[in-house]
Amino acid sequence: MKRQVVIIGLGRFGASLAKALFEMGHDVLALDTDDKKVQNMASEITHVVQADATDEAILKELGIGNFDVAVVAMGAAIQNSVLTTILMTKLGVPYVIARAENDLHGSILEKIGANKVVHIESEMGTRIAHGLTLTDILDYISVSPTYGVAKLAAPSYFIGKTLSDLELGRSGKWGVAVLLIQHDKEIVVYPDRSEVVKKDDVLILAGDDEKLEKLLTEAPKEYGK
């Protein structure tokens, strides 16, 4: 579904998010006080404005209350981040995402009405840490301290075998669930255990970190013969 999204702050996080959302087909308005950042984004997204997001009158003039989602992407300027988050909720934006610099900042953002708080640095640290131990994965998202979702390009020893052959699935030997398989442009959600893994497939796996690591270290010996 196409959405109208306003991004507040065009640092690395805000700028990359704005571009990604625009490429996905959403209408994106970005605000920043830095003229250079605004100019750099002028041709990248739907609309970008040099403006102070802590000024309620400006936000009203821009019709921010009509947007579906607001992302308060500024981080270090904590006072401005808090005030902007308050204004987003006050103006009636249905869903507000705010970036937090630390746990205290995140706690404040939650209490003043942010629907979702993201901790960019700690979340990226978690991804990098898991990338060191789960070296074959393409990406990793932590769900809890010991459980996550991993993106895996089908290794050669998976190809031509069914998920049942590989003993994947909640009740399988490895205790790792397969959430989906991408066959080229086709996405198979919650695939049947009879699904055959093909060359260039991408699998999305979910499980305990130790079980994911065990799968990636022991499966090559068992199925790569």
N, C-alpha and C. Protein backbone atom coordinates (compact mmCIF):
# COMPACT_ATOMS: atom_id res chain seq x y z
N MET A 1 0.84 -1.20 0.00
CA MET A 1 0.00 0.00 0.00
C MET A 1 0.88 1.25 0.00
N LYS A 2 0.58 2.17 -0.91
CA LYS A 2 1.35 3.41 -0.99
C LYS A 2 1.02 4.30 0.20
N ARG A 3 2.05 4.83 0.84
CA ARG A 3 1.85 5.68 2.02
C ARG A 3 2.54 7.03 1.84
N GLN A 4 2.07 7.99 2.61
CA GLN A 4 2.72 9.30 2.67
C GLN A 4 3.57 9.33 3.94
N VAL A 5 4.87 9.51 3.75
CA VAL A 5 5.80 9.45 4.87
C VAL A 5 6.60 10.74 4.95
N VAL A 6 6.73 11.27 6.17
CA VAL A 6 7.59 12.44 6.38
C VAL A 6 8.79 12.00 7.20
N ILE A 7 9.98 12.36 6.72
CA ILE A 7 11.23 12.03 7.40
C ILE A 7 11.82 13.32 7.97
N ILE A 8 12.09 13.34 9.26
CA ILE A 8 12.66 14.51 9.91
C ILE A 8 14.13 14.25 10.19
N GLY A 9 15.01 14.95 9.48
CA GLY A 9 16.44 14.77 9.67
C GLY A 9 17.06 13.96 8.54
N LEU A 10 18.04 14.55 7.87
CA LEU A 10 18.66 13.91 6.71
C LEU A 10 20.13 13.56 6.96
N GLY A 11 20.38 12.98 8.13
CA GLY A 11 21.68 12.38 8.37
C GLY A 11 21.75 11.09 7.57
N ARG A 12 22.76 10.27 7.82
CA ARG A 12 22.91 9.03 7.04
C ARG A 12 21.68 8.13 7.17
N PHE A 13 21.16 7.99 8.37
CA PHE A 13 19.99 7.15 8.59
C PHE A 13 18.77 7.71 7.88
N GLY A 14 18.47 8.99 8.11
CA GLY A 14 17.29 9.61 7.51
C GLY A 14 17.34 9.63 5.99
N ALA A 15 18.51 9.96 5.45
CA ALA A 15 18.65 10.05 3.99
C ALA A 15 18.49 8.68 3.33
N SER A 16 19.14 7.66 3.89
CA SER A 16 19.04 6.32 3.30
C SER A 16 17.62 5.77 3.41
N LEU A 17 16.96 6.07 4.53
CA LEU A 17 15.58 5.62 4.71
C LEU A 17 14.65 6.31 3.72
N ALA A 18 14.83 7.61 3.53
CA ALA A 18 13.99 8.38 2.60
C ALA A 18 14.12 7.83 1.18
N LYS A 19 15.37 7.57 0.76
CA LYS A 19 15.59 7.03 -0.59
C LYS A 19 14.96 5.66 -0.75
N ALA A 20 15.13 4.81 0.26
CA ALA A 20 14.59 3.45 0.18
C ALA A 20 13.07 3.47 0.09
N LEU A 21 12.43 4.32 0.90
CA LEU A 21 10.97 4.40 0.88
C LEU A 21 10.46 4.94 -0.47
N PHE A 22 11.17 5.91 -1.01
CA PHE A 22 10.78 6.47 -2.31
C PHE A 22 10.91 5.41 -3.41
N GLU A 23 11.99 4.65 -3.36
CA GLU A 23 12.19 3.59 -4.35
C GLU A 23 11.14 2.49 -4.24
N MET A 24 10.56 2.35 -3.06
CA MET A 24 9.50 1.37 -2.84
C MET A 24 8.13 1.88 -3.32
N GLY A 25 8.09 3.13 -3.77
CA GLY A 25 6.86 3.68 -4.32
C GLY A 25 6.06 4.57 -3.40
N HIS A 26 6.60 4.91 -2.23
CA HIS A 26 5.88 5.76 -1.29
C HIS A 26 6.14 7.24 -1.59
N ASP A 27 5.21 8.11 -1.19
CA ASP A 27 5.42 9.56 -1.29
C ASP A 27 6.22 9.98 -0.06
N VAL A 28 7.36 10.61 -0.29
CA VAL A 28 8.26 10.94 0.82
C VAL A 28 8.56 12.44 0.85
N LEU A 29 8.28 13.04 2.00
CA LEU A 29 8.66 14.43 2.26
C LEU A 29 9.74 14.39 3.32
N ALA A 30 10.86 15.08 3.08
CA ALA A 30 11.94 15.13 4.07
C ALA A 30 12.18 16.57 4.51
N LEU A 31 12.46 16.75 5.79
CA LEU A 31 12.74 18.06 6.35
C LEU A 31 14.12 18.06 7.02
N ASP A 32 14.87 19.14 6.82
CA ASP A 32 16.13 19.31 7.51
C ASP A 32 16.46 20.80 7.51
N THR A 33 17.21 21.22 8.51
CA THR A 33 17.60 22.64 8.59
C THR A 33 18.85 22.92 7.77
N ASP A 34 19.57 21.89 7.36
CA ASP A 34 20.82 22.04 6.63
C ASP A 34 20.55 22.16 5.13
N ASP A 35 20.83 23.33 4.57
CA ASP A 35 20.55 23.57 3.15
C ASP A 35 21.30 22.61 2.23
N LYS A 36 22.54 22.27 2.57
CA LYS A 36 23.33 21.37 1.73
C LYS A 36 22.69 19.99 1.65
N LYS A 37 22.23 19.48 2.80
CA LYS A 37 21.57 18.17 2.82
C LYS A 37 20.28 18.20 2.02
N VAL A 38 19.56 19.30 2.13
CA VAL A 38 18.32 19.46 1.38
C VAL A 38 18.59 19.45 -0.12
N GLN A 39 19.60 20.18 -0.54
CA GLN A 39 19.94 20.24 -1.96
C GLN A 39 20.38 18.88 -2.49
N ASN A 40 21.12 18.15 -1.69
CA ASN A 40 21.59 16.83 -2.11
C ASN A 40 20.45 15.84 -2.32
N MET A 41 19.34 16.06 -1.62
CA MET A 41 18.21 15.13 -1.71
C MET A 41 17.14 15.59 -2.70
N ALA A 42 17.31 16.78 -3.26
CA ALA A 42 16.26 17.39 -4.09
C ALA A 42 15.75 16.50 -5.21
N SER A 43 16.64 15.75 -5.84
CA SER A 43 16.23 14.90 -6.97
C SER A 43 16.06 13.44 -6.59
N GLU A 44 16.17 13.15 -5.29
CA GLU A 44 16.16 11.75 -4.85
C GLU A 44 14.80 11.25 -4.36
N ILE A 45 13.95 12.18 -3.88
CA ILE A 45 12.66 11.77 -3.30
C ILE A 45 11.56 12.71 -3.79
N THR A 46 10.35 12.49 -3.31
CA THR A 46 9.19 13.26 -3.78
C THR A 46 9.35 14.74 -3.54
N HIS A 47 9.69 15.11 -2.30
CA HIS A 47 9.80 16.53 -1.96
C HIS A 47 10.70 16.68 -0.74
N VAL A 48 11.50 17.73 -0.71
CA VAL A 48 12.36 17.99 0.43
C VAL A 48 12.33 19.49 0.73
N VAL A 49 12.30 19.81 2.01
CA VAL A 49 12.13 21.20 2.43
C VAL A 49 13.15 21.54 3.53
N GLN A 50 13.75 22.73 3.41
CA GLN A 50 14.60 23.22 4.49
C GLN A 50 13.68 23.87 5.52
N ALA A 51 13.57 23.24 6.67
CA ALA A 51 12.62 23.73 7.67
C ALA A 51 13.00 23.22 9.05
N ASP A 52 12.56 23.96 10.06
CA ASP A 52 12.77 23.59 11.46
C ASP A 52 11.56 22.79 11.92
N ALA A 53 11.77 21.49 12.18
CA ALA A 53 10.65 20.61 12.55
C ALA A 53 10.16 20.82 13.97
N THR A 54 10.82 21.72 14.73
CA THR A 54 10.32 22.03 16.06
C THR A 54 9.37 23.23 16.03
N ASP A 55 9.13 23.78 14.84
CA ASP A 55 8.22 24.92 14.67
C ASP A 55 6.85 24.39 14.25
N GLU A 56 5.90 24.41 15.18
CA GLU A 56 4.58 23.84 14.93
C GLU A 56 3.87 24.53 13.77
N ALA A 57 4.05 25.84 13.64
CA ALA A 57 3.37 26.58 12.57
C ALA A 57 3.83 26.09 11.19
N ILE A 58 5.13 25.83 11.05
CA ILE A 58 5.67 25.34 9.77
C ILE A 58 5.12 23.95 9.47
N LEU A 59 5.07 23.11 10.50
CA LEU A 59 4.56 21.74 10.30
C LEU A 59 3.09 21.76 9.86
N LYS A 60 2.32 22.65 10.45
CA LYS A 60 0.91 22.78 10.07
C LYS A 60 0.80 23.26 8.62
N GLU A 61 1.64 24.22 8.25
CA GLU A 61 1.63 24.77 6.89
C GLU A 61 1.95 23.69 5.87
N LEU A 62 2.82 22.76 6.25
CA LEU A 62 3.21 21.66 5.36
C LEU A 62 2.20 20.52 5.37
N GLY A 63 1.19 20.62 6.22
CA GLY A 63 0.16 19.58 6.26
C GLY A 63 0.64 18.26 6.83
N ILE A 64 1.56 18.32 7.79
CA ILE A 64 2.15 17.10 8.35
C ILE A 64 1.09 16.18 8.97
N GLY A 65 0.05 16.76 9.51
CA GLY A 65 -1.00 15.95 10.13
C GLY A 65 -1.71 15.03 9.16
N ASN A 66 -1.54 15.26 7.86
CA ASN A 66 -2.20 14.42 6.85
C ASN A 66 -1.34 13.22 6.43
N PHE A 67 -0.12 13.14 6.95
CA PHE A 67 0.77 12.05 6.58
C PHE A 67 0.43 10.78 7.35
N ASP A 68 0.73 9.64 6.75
CA ASP A 68 0.43 8.34 7.38
C ASP A 68 1.47 7.97 8.42
N VAL A 69 2.72 8.30 8.14
CA VAL A 69 3.82 7.91 9.01
C VAL A 69 4.82 9.06 9.12
N ALA A 70 5.35 9.26 10.32
CA ALA A 70 6.43 10.22 10.53
C ALA A 70 7.62 9.49 11.13
N VAL A 71 8.81 9.77 10.60
CA VAL A 71 10.04 9.19 11.16
C VAL A 71 10.92 10.32 11.66
N VAL A 72 11.10 10.39 12.96
CA VAL A 72 11.97 11.41 13.56
C VAL A 72 13.37 10.80 13.58
N ALA A 73 14.15 11.12 12.54
CA ALA A 73 15.43 10.45 12.32
C ALA A 73 16.62 11.16 12.96
N MET A 74 16.40 12.35 13.50
CA MET A 74 17.49 13.07 14.16
C MET A 74 17.87 12.31 15.43
N GLY A 75 19.15 12.29 15.76
CA GLY A 75 19.56 11.52 16.91
C GLY A 75 20.21 12.35 17.99
N ALA A 76 21.38 12.93 17.69
CA ALA A 76 22.18 13.61 18.71
C ALA A 76 21.46 14.80 19.34
N ALA A 77 20.64 15.51 18.56
CA ALA A 77 19.90 16.66 19.10
C ALA A 77 18.68 16.14 19.85
N ILE A 78 18.92 15.63 21.05
CA ILE A 78 17.87 14.93 21.78
C ILE A 78 16.68 15.83 22.11
N GLN A 79 16.95 17.07 22.51
CA GLN A 79 15.85 17.99 22.84
C GLN A 79 14.95 18.21 21.64
N ASN A 80 15.56 18.43 20.47
CA ASN A 80 14.77 18.63 19.25
C ASN A 80 14.02 17.36 18.86
N SER A 81 14.66 16.21 19.07
CA SER A 81 14.03 14.92 18.77
C SER A 81 12.76 14.74 19.60
N VAL A 82 12.86 15.05 20.89
CA VAL A 82 11.71 14.90 21.80
C VAL A 82 10.60 15.86 21.41
N LEU A 83 10.95 17.13 21.17
CA LEU A 83 9.94 18.13 20.82
C LEU A 83 9.26 17.78 19.49
N THR A 84 10.05 17.34 18.53
CA THR A 84 9.48 16.99 17.22
C THR A 84 8.54 15.80 17.34
N THR A 85 8.92 14.82 18.15
CA THR A 85 8.06 13.64 18.35
C THR A 85 6.73 14.06 18.98
N ILE A 86 6.79 14.95 19.95
CA ILE A 86 5.57 15.47 20.59
C ILE A 86 4.68 16.15 19.55
N LEU A 87 5.29 16.95 18.69
CA LEU A 87 4.52 17.68 17.67
C LEU A 87 3.90 16.73 16.65
N MET A 88 4.61 15.65 16.29
CA MET A 88 4.05 14.68 15.35
C MET A 88 2.78 14.05 15.90
N THR A 89 2.81 13.68 17.18
CA THR A 89 1.63 13.08 17.79
C THR A 89 0.53 14.12 17.99
N LYS A 90 0.92 15.34 18.36
CA LYS A 90 -0.06 16.42 18.57
C LYS A 90 -0.80 16.76 17.28
N LEU A 91 -0.08 16.72 16.16
CA LEU A 91 -0.69 17.05 14.87
C LEU A 91 -1.51 15.91 14.29
N GLY A 92 -1.46 14.76 14.95
CA GLY A 92 -2.33 13.66 14.55
C GLY A 92 -1.76 12.66 13.58
N VAL A 93 -0.42 12.61 13.43
CA VAL A 93 0.17 11.58 12.56
C VAL A 93 -0.11 10.23 13.21
N PRO A 94 -0.73 9.29 12.48
CA PRO A 94 -1.16 8.02 13.07
C PRO A 94 -0.04 7.14 13.60
N TYR A 95 1.12 7.16 12.95
CA TYR A 95 2.20 6.26 13.35
C TYR A 95 3.52 7.02 13.34
N VAL A 96 4.16 7.09 14.50
CA VAL A 96 5.40 7.85 14.65
C VAL A 96 6.55 6.92 15.05
N ILE A 97 7.60 6.93 14.24
CA ILE A 97 8.82 6.17 14.53
C ILE A 97 9.90 7.18 14.91
N ALA A 98 10.61 6.92 15.99
CA ALA A 98 11.64 7.86 16.45
C ALA A 98 12.94 7.14 16.73
N ARG A 99 14.04 7.77 16.33
CA ARG A 99 15.37 7.22 16.57
C ARG A 99 15.87 7.66 17.93
N ALA A 100 16.42 6.70 18.69
CA ALA A 100 16.94 7.01 20.03
C ALA A 100 18.45 6.85 20.06
N GLU A 101 19.11 7.73 20.80
CA GLU A 101 20.56 7.67 20.96
C GLU A 101 20.96 6.71 22.08
N ASN A 102 20.11 6.56 23.07
CA ASN A 102 20.42 5.68 24.19
C ASN A 102 19.12 5.21 24.84
N ASP A 103 19.23 4.38 25.87
CA ASP A 103 18.04 3.81 26.50
C ASP A 103 17.15 4.87 27.14
N LEU A 104 17.76 5.86 27.80
CA LEU A 104 16.97 6.92 28.44
C LEU A 104 16.21 7.71 27.38
N HIS A 105 16.88 8.07 26.31
CA HIS A 105 16.23 8.79 25.21
C HIS A 105 15.07 7.95 24.67
N GLY A 106 15.30 6.66 24.49
CA GLY A 106 14.26 5.78 23.98
C GLY A 106 13.06 5.70 24.91
N SER A 107 13.34 5.64 26.19
CA SER A 107 12.27 5.58 27.19
C SER A 107 11.41 6.84 27.15
N ILE A 108 12.05 7.99 27.01
CA ILE A 108 11.32 9.27 26.92
C ILE A 108 10.46 9.29 25.67
N LEU A 109 11.02 8.85 24.55
CA LEU A 109 10.27 8.85 23.28
C LEU A 109 9.03 7.97 23.37
N GLU A 110 9.16 6.82 24.01
CA GLU A 110 8.02 5.93 24.19
C GLU A 110 6.93 6.59 25.04
N LYS A 111 7.35 7.26 26.10
CA LYS A 111 6.40 7.86 27.02
C LYS A 111 5.67 9.06 26.42
N ILE A 112 6.29 9.74 25.44
CA ILE A 112 5.63 10.90 24.85
C ILE A 112 4.84 10.55 23.59
N GLY A 113 4.76 9.25 23.28
CA GLY A 113 3.84 8.86 22.21
C GLY A 113 4.40 8.21 20.98
N ALA A 114 5.73 7.98 20.90
CA ALA A 114 6.29 7.31 19.72
C ALA A 114 5.74 5.88 19.66
N ASN A 115 5.25 5.47 18.51
CA ASN A 115 4.73 4.11 18.35
C ASN A 115 5.85 3.09 18.28
N LYS A 116 6.99 3.49 17.73
CA LYS A 116 8.15 2.59 17.63
C LYS A 116 9.41 3.40 17.82
N VAL A 117 10.32 2.87 18.62
CA VAL A 117 11.61 3.50 18.87
C VAL A 117 12.70 2.60 18.32
N VAL A 118 13.62 3.16 17.54
CA VAL A 118 14.71 2.36 16.98
C VAL A 118 16.04 2.84 17.55
N HIS A 119 16.88 1.88 17.88
CA HIS A 119 18.21 2.16 18.41
C HIS A 119 19.20 1.75 17.33
N ILE A 120 19.52 2.64 16.42
CA ILE A 120 20.30 2.32 15.24
C ILE A 120 21.65 1.71 15.57
N GLU A 121 22.42 2.35 16.45
CA GLU A 121 23.77 1.90 16.72
C GLU A 121 23.77 0.51 17.36
N SER A 122 22.91 0.28 18.35
CA SER A 122 22.91 -1.02 19.02
C SER A 122 22.39 -2.11 18.11
N GLU A 123 21.36 -1.77 17.28
CA GLU A 123 20.83 -2.77 16.36
C GLU A 123 21.87 -3.14 15.30
N MET A 124 22.63 -2.15 14.82
CA MET A 124 23.67 -2.44 13.84
C MET A 124 24.79 -3.25 14.48
N GLY A 125 25.10 -2.94 15.74
CA GLY A 125 26.12 -3.71 16.45
C GLY A 125 25.72 -5.17 16.56
N THR A 126 24.44 -5.41 16.83
CA THR A 126 23.94 -6.78 16.93
C THR A 126 24.08 -7.50 15.60
N ARG A 127 23.75 -6.81 14.51
CA ARG A 127 23.87 -7.42 13.18
C ARG A 127 25.31 -7.78 12.86
N ILE A 128 26.22 -6.87 13.18
CA ILE A 128 27.63 -7.12 12.89
C ILE A 128 28.15 -8.28 13.74
N ALA A 129 27.75 -8.31 15.02
CA ALA A 129 28.19 -9.37 15.91
C ALA A 129 27.74 -10.74 15.40
N HIS A 130 26.49 -10.82 14.96
CA HIS A 130 25.99 -12.09 14.44
C HIS A 130 26.62 -12.42 13.10
N GLY A 131 27.00 -11.39 12.36
CA GLY A 131 27.67 -11.63 11.09
C GLY A 131 29.03 -12.27 11.28
N LEU A 132 29.64 -12.07 12.47
CA LEU A 132 30.94 -12.66 12.76
C LEU A 132 30.81 -14.14 13.12
N THR A 133 29.70 -14.50 13.75
CA THR A 133 29.52 -15.89 14.16
C THR A 133 28.74 -16.70 13.13
N LEU A 134 27.77 -16.05 12.45
CA LEU A 134 27.00 -16.72 11.40
C LEU A 134 27.51 -16.21 10.06
N THR A 135 28.70 -16.65 9.70
CA THR A 135 29.42 -16.04 8.58
C THR A 135 28.80 -16.28 7.22
N ASP A 136 27.91 -17.27 7.09
CA ASP A 136 27.32 -17.56 5.78
C ASP A 136 26.04 -16.78 5.49
N ILE A 137 25.52 -16.07 6.48
CA ILE A 137 24.25 -15.38 6.28
C ILE A 137 24.45 -14.05 5.55
N LEU A 138 23.41 -13.65 4.82
CA LEU A 138 23.44 -12.37 4.11
C LEU A 138 23.03 -11.22 5.01
N ASP A 139 22.12 -11.51 5.94
CA ASP A 139 21.63 -10.47 6.86
C ASP A 139 21.02 -11.15 8.07
N TYR A 140 20.88 -10.38 9.15
CA TYR A 140 20.35 -10.94 10.40
C TYR A 140 19.57 -9.87 11.14
N ILE A 141 18.42 -10.26 11.67
CA ILE A 141 17.61 -9.36 12.50
C ILE A 141 17.38 -10.03 13.84
N SER A 142 17.77 -9.36 14.91
CA SER A 142 17.59 -9.91 16.24
C SER A 142 16.15 -9.72 16.70
N VAL A 143 15.54 -10.79 17.18
CA VAL A 143 14.19 -10.73 17.73
C VAL A 143 14.26 -10.64 19.25
N SER A 144 15.22 -11.36 19.83
CA SER A 144 15.50 -11.31 21.25
C SER A 144 17.00 -11.54 21.40
N PRO A 145 17.56 -11.43 22.61
CA PRO A 145 19.01 -11.60 22.75
C PRO A 145 19.56 -12.92 22.22
N THR A 146 18.73 -13.96 22.15
CA THR A 146 19.24 -15.28 21.71
C THR A 146 18.46 -15.86 20.53
N TYR A 147 17.64 -15.06 19.89
CA TYR A 147 16.78 -15.59 18.81
C TYR A 147 16.71 -14.55 17.69
N GLY A 148 16.78 -15.03 16.45
CA GLY A 148 16.74 -14.08 15.36
C GLY A 148 16.25 -14.67 14.05
N VAL A 149 16.21 -13.80 13.05
CA VAL A 149 15.79 -14.18 11.70
C VAL A 149 16.98 -13.94 10.78
N ALA A 150 17.35 -14.96 9.99
CA ALA A 150 18.53 -14.88 9.14
C ALA A 150 18.17 -15.06 7.67
N LYS A 151 18.85 -14.31 6.82
CA LYS A 151 18.68 -14.41 5.37
C LYS A 151 19.87 -15.20 4.82
N LEU A 152 19.58 -16.29 4.12
CA LEU A 152 20.62 -17.20 3.67
C LEU A 152 20.49 -17.51 2.19
N ALA A 153 21.55 -17.29 1.43
CA ALA A 153 21.58 -17.74 0.03
C ALA A 153 21.77 -19.24 0.05
N ALA A 154 20.93 -19.97 -0.68
CA ALA A 154 20.96 -21.43 -0.63
C ALA A 154 22.36 -21.95 -0.96
N PRO A 155 23.01 -22.64 -0.01
CA PRO A 155 24.33 -23.21 -0.29
C PRO A 155 24.20 -24.40 -1.24
N SER A 156 25.29 -24.79 -1.85
CA SER A 156 25.26 -25.85 -2.87
C SER A 156 24.69 -27.15 -2.34
N TYR A 157 24.95 -27.45 -1.07
CA TYR A 157 24.49 -28.72 -0.50
C TYR A 157 22.98 -28.73 -0.19
N PHE A 158 22.31 -27.56 -0.33
CA PHE A 158 20.85 -27.49 -0.18
C PHE A 158 20.14 -27.78 -1.51
N ILE A 159 20.81 -27.47 -2.61
CA ILE A 159 20.16 -27.47 -3.93
C ILE A 159 19.73 -28.89 -4.35
N GLY A 160 18.47 -28.95 -4.81
CA GLY A 160 17.91 -30.22 -5.25
C GLY A 160 17.28 -31.04 -4.14
N LYS A 161 17.39 -30.55 -2.90
CA LYS A 161 16.82 -31.27 -1.77
C LYS A 161 15.56 -30.56 -1.28
N THR A 162 14.64 -31.33 -0.70
CA THR A 162 13.44 -30.73 -0.12
C THR A 162 13.77 -30.25 1.30
N LEU A 163 12.89 -29.42 1.83
CA LEU A 163 13.09 -28.97 3.21
C LEU A 163 13.03 -30.16 4.16
N SER A 164 12.23 -31.17 3.79
CA SER A 164 12.15 -32.38 4.60
C SER A 164 13.48 -33.14 4.56
N ASP A 165 14.08 -33.24 3.36
CA ASP A 165 15.39 -33.89 3.24
C ASP A 165 16.42 -33.20 4.13
N LEU A 166 16.34 -31.88 4.19
CA LEU A 166 17.29 -31.08 4.96
C LEU A 166 16.94 -31.00 6.43
N GLU A 167 15.80 -31.60 6.77
CA GLU A 167 15.31 -31.64 8.16
C GLU A 167 15.13 -30.23 8.74
N LEU A 168 14.64 -29.34 7.87
CA LEU A 168 14.33 -27.98 8.29
C LEU A 168 12.86 -27.88 8.68
N GLY A 169 12.53 -26.88 9.47
CA GLY A 169 11.17 -26.73 9.97
C GLY A 169 11.19 -26.83 11.48
N ARG A 170 10.15 -26.36 12.12
CA ARG A 170 10.11 -26.32 13.59
C ARG A 170 10.34 -27.70 14.21
N SER A 171 9.77 -28.74 13.57
CA SER A 171 9.89 -30.09 14.12
C SER A 171 11.09 -30.84 13.55
N GLY A 172 11.87 -30.18 12.70
CA GLY A 172 13.02 -30.83 12.09
C GLY A 172 14.19 -30.97 13.05
N LYS A 173 15.19 -31.68 12.60
CA LYS A 173 16.38 -31.97 13.41
C LYS A 173 17.06 -30.71 13.93
N TRP A 174 17.10 -29.67 13.10
CA TRP A 174 17.87 -28.48 13.45
C TRP A 174 17.08 -27.48 14.31
N GLY A 175 15.76 -27.64 14.35
CA GLY A 175 14.93 -26.72 15.13
C GLY A 175 14.90 -25.32 14.56
N VAL A 176 15.07 -25.21 13.22
CA VAL A 176 15.09 -23.92 12.55
C VAL A 176 13.90 -23.84 11.59
N ALA A 177 13.08 -22.82 11.73
CA ALA A 177 11.90 -22.66 10.88
C ALA A 177 12.26 -21.95 9.58
N VAL A 178 11.59 -22.32 8.49
CA VAL A 178 11.76 -21.64 7.21
C VAL A 178 10.54 -20.76 7.00
N LEU A 179 10.73 -19.44 7.08
CA LEU A 179 9.61 -18.51 6.96
C LEU A 179 9.21 -18.29 5.51
N LEU A 180 10.21 -18.25 4.63
CA LEU A 180 9.90 -18.10 3.20
C LEU A 180 11.10 -18.48 2.36
N ILE A 181 10.81 -18.78 1.10
CA ILE A 181 11.85 -19.04 0.11
C ILE A 181 11.59 -18.13 -1.08
N GLN A 182 12.63 -17.52 -1.58
CA GLN A 182 12.52 -16.70 -2.78
C GLN A 182 13.13 -17.46 -3.95
N HIS A 183 12.25 -17.87 -4.90
CA HIS A 183 12.69 -18.49 -6.15
C HIS A 183 12.68 -17.39 -7.20
N ASP A 184 13.82 -16.81 -7.51
CA ASP A 184 13.88 -15.71 -8.48
C ASP A 184 12.91 -14.61 -8.03
N LYS A 185 11.82 -14.36 -8.78
CA LYS A 185 10.86 -13.32 -8.41
C LYS A 185 9.66 -13.88 -7.64
N GLU A 186 9.60 -15.18 -7.49
CA GLU A 186 8.49 -15.82 -6.77
C GLU A 186 8.83 -15.95 -5.29
N ILE A 187 7.89 -15.58 -4.42
CA ILE A 187 8.06 -15.69 -2.98
C ILE A 187 7.11 -16.76 -2.46
N VAL A 188 7.66 -17.77 -1.80
CA VAL A 188 6.84 -18.81 -1.19
C VAL A 188 6.87 -18.61 0.32
N VAL A 189 5.72 -18.22 0.89
CA VAL A 189 5.63 -17.95 2.33
C VAL A 189 5.22 -19.22 3.06
N TYR A 190 5.89 -19.49 4.18
CA TYR A 190 5.69 -20.72 4.96
C TYR A 190 5.65 -21.93 4.04
N PRO A 191 6.74 -22.19 3.33
CA PRO A 191 6.76 -23.28 2.35
C PRO A 191 6.51 -24.65 2.97
N ASP A 192 5.88 -25.51 2.18
CA ASP A 192 5.64 -26.89 2.61
C ASP A 192 6.99 -27.60 2.68
N ARG A 193 7.06 -28.63 3.50
CA ARG A 193 8.33 -29.34 3.67
C ARG A 193 8.73 -30.12 2.41
N SER A 194 7.79 -30.22 1.47
CA SER A 194 8.11 -30.89 0.20
C SER A 194 8.73 -29.92 -0.81
N GLU A 195 8.84 -28.64 -0.43
CA GLU A 195 9.41 -27.63 -1.33
C GLU A 195 10.88 -27.95 -1.61
N VAL A 196 11.23 -27.91 -2.91
CA VAL A 196 12.61 -28.20 -3.31
C VAL A 196 13.41 -26.91 -3.40
N VAL A 197 14.60 -26.93 -2.82
CA VAL A 197 15.49 -25.76 -2.88
C VAL A 197 16.22 -25.76 -4.22
N LYS A 198 16.17 -24.61 -4.89
CA LYS A 198 16.78 -24.49 -6.22
C LYS A 198 18.01 -23.58 -6.18
N LYS A 199 18.78 -23.63 -7.25
CA LYS A 199 19.96 -22.78 -7.36
C LYS A 199 19.54 -21.30 -7.31
N ASP A 200 20.29 -20.51 -6.62
CA ASP A 200 20.06 -19.06 -6.46
C ASP A 200 18.87 -18.72 -5.58
N ASP A 201 18.28 -19.72 -4.90
CA ASP A 201 17.20 -19.42 -3.96
C ASP A 201 17.76 -18.67 -2.75
N VAL A 202 16.88 -17.91 -2.11
CA VAL A 202 17.20 -17.24 -0.84
C VAL A 202 16.20 -17.71 0.20
N LEU A 203 16.68 -18.15 1.33
CA LEU A 203 15.81 -18.64 2.40
C LEU A 203 15.84 -17.67 3.59
N ILE A 204 14.67 -17.47 4.17
CA ILE A 204 14.58 -16.70 5.41
C ILE A 204 14.30 -17.69 6.54
N LEU A 205 15.26 -17.80 7.44
CA LEU A 205 15.20 -18.77 8.52
C LEU A 205 15.00 -18.08 9.86
N ALA A 206 14.34 -18.76 10.78
CA ALA A 206 14.14 -18.20 12.12
C ALA A 206 14.46 -19.27 13.15
N GLY A 207 15.19 -18.87 14.18
CA GLY A 207 15.50 -19.85 15.22
C GLY A 207 16.43 -19.31 16.27
N ASP A 208 16.67 -20.12 17.26
CA ASP A 208 17.63 -19.80 18.31
C ASP A 208 19.01 -19.64 17.67
N ASP A 209 19.78 -18.67 18.14
CA ASP A 209 21.09 -18.39 17.55
C ASP A 209 22.00 -19.62 17.53
N GLU A 210 21.99 -20.39 18.61
CA GLU A 210 22.85 -21.58 18.68
C GLU A 210 22.43 -22.61 17.64
N LYS A 211 21.11 -22.73 17.41
CA LYS A 211 20.63 -23.70 16.43
C LYS A 211 20.95 -23.25 15.01
N LEU A 212 20.85 -21.94 14.76
CA LEU A 212 21.23 -21.42 13.44
C LEU A 212 22.71 -21.68 13.18
N GLU A 213 23.53 -21.42 14.19
CA GLU A 213 24.97 -21.64 14.03
C GLU A 213 25.28 -23.12 13.83
N LYS A 214 24.57 -23.97 14.55
CA LYS A 214 24.78 -25.42 14.42
C LYS A 214 24.41 -25.89 13.02
N LEU A 215 23.30 -25.36 12.48
CA LEU A 215 22.88 -25.71 11.12
C LEU A 215 23.98 -25.34 10.12
N LEU A 216 24.50 -24.13 10.24
CA LEU A 216 25.46 -23.64 9.27
C LEU A 216 26.84 -24.29 9.38
N THR A 217 27.16 -24.83 10.55
CA THR A 217 28.47 -25.47 10.71
C THR A 217 28.42 -26.99 10.49
N GLU A 218 27.29 -27.61 10.81
CA GLU A 218 27.22 -29.08 10.72
C GLU A 218 26.52 -29.59 9.47
N ALA A 219 25.57 -28.80 8.92
CA ALA A 219 24.84 -29.26 7.72
C ALA A 219 25.77 -29.51 6.52
N PRO A 220 26.80 -28.69 6.31
CA PRO A 220 27.68 -28.96 5.15
C PRO A 220 28.32 -30.34 5.22
N LYS A 221 28.67 -30.78 6.42
CA LYS A 221 29.28 -32.11 6.59
C LYS A 221 28.26 -33.22 6.32
N GLU A 222 27.00 -32.95 6.71
CA GLU A 222 25.99 -33.99 6.59
C GLU A 222 25.39 -34.09 5.19
N TYR A 223 25.15 -32.91 4.53
CA TYR A 223 24.46 -32.92 3.25
C TYR A 223 25.39 -32.62 2.08
N GLY A 224 26.62 -32.25 2.38
CA GLY A 224 27.55 -31.89 1.32
C GLY A 224 28.40 -33.03 0.81
N LYS A 225 28.01 -34.23 1.21
CA LYS A 225 28.78 -35.40 0.79
C LYS A 225 28.56 -35.72 -0.69
